[in-house]
Each structure stands twice: as C-alpha cells, then as structure tokens.
C-alpha atoms as a PDB file:
ATOM      1  CA  MET A   1      16.547  25.483  14.078  1.00  0.00           C
ATOM      2  CA  SER A   2      17.987  21.974  13.877  1.00  0.00           C
ATOM      3  CA  ASP A   3      18.390  18.834  15.977  1.00  0.00           C
ATOM      4  CA  GLU A   4      21.015  16.136  15.541  1.00  0.00           C
ATOM      5  CA  VAL A   5      20.150  12.561  16.435  1.00  0.00           C
ATOM      6  CA  ARG A   6      22.093   9.330  16.384  1.00  0.00           C
ATOM      7  CA  ASN A   7      21.519   7.237  13.255  1.00  0.00           C
ATOM      8  CA  HIS A   8      20.108   3.941  14.589  1.00  0.00           C
ATOM      9  CA  TYR A   9      20.919   2.224  11.292  1.00  0.00           C
ATOM     10  CA  ASN A  10      24.573   3.266  11.449  1.00  0.00           C
ATOM     11  CA  PRO A  11      25.441   4.086  15.104  1.00  0.00           C
ATOM     12  CA  LEU A  12      29.127   4.714  14.327  1.00  0.00           C
ATOM     13  CA  GLY A  13      28.426   6.913  11.310  1.00  0.00           C
ATOM     14  CA  LYS A  14      27.265  10.472  10.877  1.00  0.00           C
ATOM     15  CA  LYS A  15      24.344  11.765  12.868  1.00  0.00           C
ATOM     16  CA  VAL A  16      21.087  12.627  11.143  1.00  0.00           C
ATOM     17  CA  THR A  17      20.135  16.288  11.318  1.00  0.00           C
ATOM     18  CA  PHE A  18      16.527  17.503  11.301  1.00  0.00           C
ATOM     19  CA  TYR A  19      15.838  21.068  10.171  1.00  0.00           C
ATOM     20  CA  ASP A  20      12.725  23.165  10.609  1.00  0.00           C
ATOM     21  CA  ALA A  21      13.738  25.629   7.890  1.00  0.00           C
ATOM     22  CA  LEU A  22      15.702  24.678   4.785  1.00  0.00           C
ATOM     23  CA  ASN A  23      16.775  28.069   3.408  1.00  0.00           C
ATOM     24  CA  ASP A  24      20.270  27.925   4.940  1.00  0.00           C
ATOM     25  CA  LEU A  25      21.008  24.573   3.273  1.00  0.00           C
ATOM     26  CA  ARG A  26      21.291  25.937  -0.276  1.00  0.00           C
ATOM     27  CA  SER A  27      25.030  26.433   0.065  1.00  0.00           C
ATOM     28  CA  LEU A  28      25.715  22.800   1.068  1.00  0.00           C
ATOM     29  CA  GLN A  29      26.760  20.271  -1.556  1.00  0.00           C
ATOM     30  CA  ASN A  30      25.944  16.569  -1.851  1.00  0.00           C
ATOM     31  CA  LEU A  31      22.858  16.842   0.302  1.00  0.00           C
ATOM     32  CA  ASP A  32      19.728  14.691   0.319  1.00  0.00           C
ATOM     33  CA  ILE A  33      16.576  16.272   1.709  1.00  0.00           C
ATOM     34  CA  TYR A  34      13.520  14.181   2.527  1.00  0.00           C
ATOM     35  CA  VAL A  35      10.225  15.962   3.062  1.00  0.00           C
ATOM     36  CA  THR A  36       7.655  13.749   4.734  1.00  0.00           C
ATOM     37  CA  GLY A  37       4.253  13.973   6.251  1.00  0.00           C
ATOM     38  CA  SER A  38       0.813  15.133   5.430  1.00  0.00           C
ATOM     39  CA  ASN A  39       0.076  18.492   3.904  1.00  0.00           C
ATOM     40  CA  SER A  40      -3.577  19.309   3.565  1.00  0.00           C
ATOM     41  CA  ARG A  41      -2.923  22.463   1.556  1.00  0.00           C
ATOM     42  CA  MET A  42      -1.104  20.741  -1.275  1.00  0.00           C
ATOM     43  CA  LEU A  43      -1.844  17.547  -3.139  1.00  0.00           C
ATOM     44  CA  SER A  44       1.113  15.379  -4.112  1.00  0.00           C
ATOM     45  CA  SER A  45       0.798  16.673  -7.687  1.00  0.00           C
ATOM     46  CA  ASP A  46       1.019  20.257  -6.350  1.00  0.00           C
ATOM     47  CA  ILE A  47       4.184  19.389  -4.440  1.00  0.00           C
ATOM     48  CA  LEU A  48       5.798  17.814  -7.514  1.00  0.00           C
ATOM     49  CA  THR A  49       4.929  20.931  -9.527  1.00  0.00           C
ATOM     50  CA  GLU A  50       6.356  23.203  -6.832  1.00  0.00           C
ATOM     51  CA  PHE A  51       9.651  21.265  -6.787  1.00  0.00           C
ATOM     52  CA  ARG A  52       9.700  20.460 -10.524  1.00  0.00           C
ATOM     53  CA  GLY A  53      12.951  18.850 -11.613  1.00  0.00           C
ATOM     54  CA  ARG A  54      14.219  18.691  -8.036  1.00  0.00           C
ATOM     55  CA  SER A  55      12.094  15.976  -6.515  1.00  0.00           C
ATOM     56  CA  ASP A  56      10.935  12.395  -6.640  1.00  0.00           C
ATOM     57  CA  GLU A  57       7.721  11.097  -5.175  1.00  0.00           C
ATOM     58  CA  ILE A  58       7.862   7.919  -3.113  1.00  0.00           C
ATOM     59  CA  ARG A  59       4.428   6.558  -2.281  1.00  0.00           C
ATOM     60  CA  VAL A  60       4.153   4.463   0.849  1.00  0.00           C
ATOM     61  CA  HIS A  61       1.251   2.022   1.013  1.00  0.00           C
ATOM     62  CA  PRO A  62      -0.158  -0.148   3.787  1.00  0.00           C
ATOM     63  CA  LEU A  63       1.205  -3.660   4.025  1.00  0.00           C
ATOM     64  CA  SER A  64      -0.297  -6.369   1.838  1.00  0.00           C
ATOM     65  CA  PHE A  65      -1.531  -9.443   3.703  1.00  0.00           C
ATOM     66  CA  SER A  66       1.548 -11.344   2.516  1.00  0.00           C
ATOM     67  CA  GLU A  67       3.846  -8.689   4.003  1.00  0.00           C
ATOM     68  CA  TYR A  68       1.777  -8.531   7.192  1.00  0.00           C
ATOM     69  CA  TYR A  69       1.794 -12.304   7.604  1.00  0.00           C
ATOM     70  CA  SER A  70       5.549 -12.550   7.040  1.00  0.00           C
ATOM     71  CA  ALA A  71       5.955 -10.227  10.046  1.00  0.00           C
ATOM     72  CA  VAL A  72       3.427 -11.839  12.424  1.00  0.00           C
ATOM     73  CA  GLY A  73       3.518 -15.502  11.415  1.00  0.00           C
ATOM     74  CA  GLY A  74       1.427 -18.010  13.367  1.00  0.00           C
ATOM     75  CA  ASP A  75      -1.997 -19.245  12.361  1.00  0.00           C
ATOM     76  CA  LYS A  76      -2.800 -17.822   8.933  1.00  0.00           C
ATOM     77  CA  ASN A  77      -6.567 -17.571   9.539  1.00  0.00           C
ATOM     78  CA  GLU A  78      -6.078 -15.727  12.819  1.00  0.00           C
ATOM     79  CA  ALA A  79      -3.525 -13.428  11.168  1.00  0.00           C
ATOM     80  CA  PHE A  80      -5.987 -12.709   8.355  1.00  0.00           C
ATOM     81  CA  ASP A  81      -8.765 -11.909  10.843  1.00  0.00           C
ATOM     82  CA  ASP A  82      -6.475  -9.374  12.572  1.00  0.00           C
ATOM     83  CA  TYR A  83      -5.341  -7.942   9.229  1.00  0.00           C
ATOM     84  CA  ALA A  84      -8.933  -7.596   7.994  1.00  0.00           C
ATOM     85  CA  PHE A  85      -9.984  -5.927  11.237  1.00  0.00           C
ATOM     86  CA  TYR A  86      -7.011  -3.598  11.883  1.00  0.00           C
ATOM     87  CA  GLY A  87      -5.703  -3.115   8.350  1.00  0.00           C
ATOM     88  CA  GLY A  88      -2.161  -3.059   7.094  1.00  0.00           C
ATOM     89  CA  MET A  89      -0.672   0.091   8.584  1.00  0.00           C
ATOM     90  CA  PRO A  90       2.880  -0.978   9.533  1.00  0.00           C
ATOM     91  CA  LEU A  91       2.794   0.635  12.984  1.00  0.00           C
ATOM     92  CA  ILE A  92      -0.022  -1.731  13.962  1.00  0.00           C
ATOM     93  CA  LEU A  93       2.617  -4.470  14.203  1.00  0.00           C
ATOM     94  CA  SER A  94       4.292  -2.691  17.116  1.00  0.00           C
ATOM     95  CA  ARG A  95       1.088  -2.262  19.126  1.00  0.00           C
ATOM     96  CA  PRO A  96       0.901  -5.080  21.712  1.00  0.00           C
ATOM     97  CA  THR A  97      -2.805  -4.997  22.619  1.00  0.00           C
ATOM     98  CA  ASP A  98      -6.137  -4.588  20.872  1.00  0.00           C
ATOM     99  CA  THR A  99      -6.691  -1.362  22.828  1.00  0.00           C
ATOM    100  CA  ALA A 100      -3.336   0.053  21.701  1.00  0.00           C
ATOM    101  CA  LYS A 101      -4.113  -0.852  18.083  1.00  0.00           C
ATOM    102  CA  MET A 102      -7.539   0.805  18.239  1.00  0.00           C
ATOM    103  CA  ASN A 103      -6.088   3.920  19.911  1.00  0.00           C
ATOM    104  CA  TYR A 104      -3.476   4.198  17.147  1.00  0.00           C
ATOM    105  CA  LEU A 105      -6.075   3.848  14.377  1.00  0.00           C
ATOM    106  CA  GLN A 106      -8.423   6.330  16.040  1.00  0.00           C
ATOM    107  CA  SER A 107      -5.557   8.814  16.423  1.00  0.00           C
ATOM    108  CA  LEU A 108      -4.502   8.300  12.805  1.00  0.00           C
ATOM    109  CA  PHE A 109      -8.045   8.911  11.596  1.00  0.00           C
ATOM    110  CA  SER A 110      -8.719  11.993  13.707  1.00  0.00           C
ATOM    111  CA  GLU A 111      -5.276  13.599  13.653  1.00  0.00           C
ATOM    112  CA  VAL A 112      -4.364  13.022  10.033  1.00  0.00           C
ATOM    113  CA  TYR A 113      -7.364  12.330   7.852  1.00  0.00           C
ATOM    114  CA  ILE A 114     -10.009  14.469   9.531  1.00  0.00           C
ATOM    115  CA  LYS A 115      -7.676  17.408  10.216  1.00  0.00           C
ATOM    116  CA  ASP A 116      -6.469  17.344   6.602  1.00  0.00           C
ATOM    117  CA  ILE A 117     -10.039  17.400   5.310  1.00  0.00           C
ATOM    118  CA  VAL A 118     -10.995  20.191   7.712  1.00  0.00           C
ATOM    119  CA  GLU A 119      -8.007  22.327   6.683  1.00  0.00           C
ATOM    120  CA  ARG A 120      -8.266  21.632   2.944  1.00  0.00           C
ATOM    121  CA  LYS A 121     -12.000  22.308   2.779  1.00  0.00           C
ATOM    122  CA  ARG A 122     -11.769  25.140   5.348  1.00  0.00           C
ATOM    123  CA  LEU A 123     -14.510  23.611   7.468  1.00  0.00           C
ATOM    124  CA  SER A 124     -15.299  24.471  11.046  1.00  0.00           C
ATOM    125  CA  ILE A 125     -14.662  21.683  13.537  1.00  0.00           C
ATOM    126  CA  ARG A 126     -18.378  21.498  14.407  1.00  0.00           C
ATOM    127  CA  THR A 127     -19.343  21.202  10.725  1.00  0.00           C
ATOM    128  CA  SER A 128     -16.646  18.586  10.124  1.00  0.00           C
ATOM    129  CA  TRP A 129     -17.596  16.247  12.933  1.00  0.00           C
ATOM    130  CA  ASN A 130     -21.300  16.451  12.100  1.00  0.00           C
ATOM    131  CA  ARG A 131     -20.560  15.358   8.534  1.00  0.00           C
ATOM    132  CA  PHE A 132     -18.570  12.303   9.622  1.00  0.00           C
END
C-alpha cells in the first residue's frame, strides 16, 4: 500500500511516496528510504544491528534555548520562561496558545513515552498508570 503526496519543498518536482510495506522496493535502484518514529520493541542499537551496513542513525534532539529564541524572538527573559516551562520540542513553536501547547505535551507524553514503556515492559495499562 502506498500514498503519493506533493513535495512541499519542491512543488514542481517529484512527489514523495509513502509505503506501508517495503518488500516490493528491493528491485528499485537509487532509492533512499527513511524509517522514522518510535519503536518500543527495538532500541536504536537493535535497529542499527538489524540493518547493519545499510543504515545511518540520525538523532533528533529538542531545540536548545538559542535555537528556540532565534525562532520566537522578543523579550529574552519571557522567551526563557516559556522555554523552561514548555521545553524545546520544535512543534511547540507552532502551537498558538498555552492550552494547545499543554495538550501537545500531554499527548506526546501519553501517546509516545507511556505507550512505549507499556509495550516494552509488557505492562498492563492499569499497572502502568499506577506507577506513573
């Protein structure tokens, strides 16, 4: 199954294609494949071992305060207060209100971190939430 979407960085160029299964791509030449996301069953070292010699790891980190401030500008003390409170996740910059920022962070915590821990440690949901 695949979906083609317009490349927003190059609207006149080739479309970007997203695939759910990669097995049929082995016959194609000159192809870059990017695997992204969270995988609670494998650590990054496990993934590199699985794709040994065929992969590179690119770590993405939250924004530093300098990077954050270059995007928001304004009063530096106020920007630092927001950065210290909300953190440096890049998507925070696109959230217009405090409520939207908090909803994003709560979703990130519950949908990514907690679910990954629950799956990796094979915990029941009840056990998981009581521990946190």
